[in-house]
Amino acid sequence: MQTGVFSLQVSRNTFRGR
């Protein structure tokens, strides 16, 4: 379950970082 949260945060960080 922690991986899901981590993936969500990384995805959002990448979308905003771009």
N, C-alpha and C. Protein backbone atom coordinates (compact mmCIF):
# COMPACT_ATOMS: atom_id res chain seq x y z
N MET A 1 0.85 -1.20 0.00
CA MET A 1 0.00 0.00 0.00
C MET A 1 0.89 1.26 0.00
N GLN A 2 2.00 1.19 0.72
CA GLN A 2 2.88 2.37 0.76
C GLN A 2 3.41 2.69 -0.65
N THR A 3 3.65 1.65 -1.44
CA THR A 3 4.18 1.89 -2.79
C THR A 3 3.16 2.69 -3.60
N GLY A 4 1.89 2.39 -3.41
CA GLY A 4 0.85 3.13 -4.16
C GLY A 4 0.92 4.62 -3.83
N VAL A 5 1.04 4.91 -2.55
CA VAL A 5 1.10 6.34 -2.15
C VAL A 5 2.36 6.98 -2.71
N PHE A 6 3.46 6.26 -2.65
CA PHE A 6 4.73 6.80 -3.15
C PHE A 6 4.62 7.07 -4.66
N SER A 7 4.01 6.12 -5.37
CA SER A 7 3.86 6.28 -6.83
C SER A 7 2.99 7.50 -7.13
N LEU A 8 1.95 7.67 -6.33
CA LEU A 8 1.04 8.82 -6.56
C LEU A 8 1.81 10.12 -6.35
N GLN A 9 2.59 10.17 -5.29
CA GLN A 9 3.34 11.41 -5.00
C GLN A 9 4.38 11.66 -6.11
N VAL A 10 5.04 10.62 -6.55
CA VAL A 10 6.07 10.78 -7.60
C VAL A 10 5.41 11.24 -8.89
N SER A 11 4.28 10.63 -9.22
CA SER A 11 3.57 11.01 -10.46
C SER A 11 3.18 12.48 -10.40
N ARG A 12 2.66 12.90 -9.28
CA ARG A 12 2.21 14.32 -9.16
C ARG A 12 3.45 15.24 -9.19
N ASN A 13 4.52 14.82 -8.54
CA ASN A 13 5.73 15.65 -8.52
C ASN A 13 6.29 15.79 -9.94
N THR A 14 6.24 14.71 -10.69
CA THR A 14 6.77 14.76 -12.07
C THR A 14 5.89 15.66 -12.93
N PHE A 15 4.59 15.52 -12.78
CA PHE A 15 3.66 16.34 -13.59
C PHE A 15 3.86 17.83 -13.28
N ARG A 16 4.04 18.12 -12.03
CA ARG A 16 4.22 19.55 -11.63
C ARG A 16 5.67 19.98 -11.97
N GLY A 17 6.62 19.07 -11.82
CA GLY A 17 8.02 19.43 -12.11
C GLY A 17 8.18 19.78 -13.59
N ARG A 18 7.41 19.09 -14.43
CA ARG A 18 7.54 19.34 -15.87
C ARG A 18 6.96 20.69 -16.16
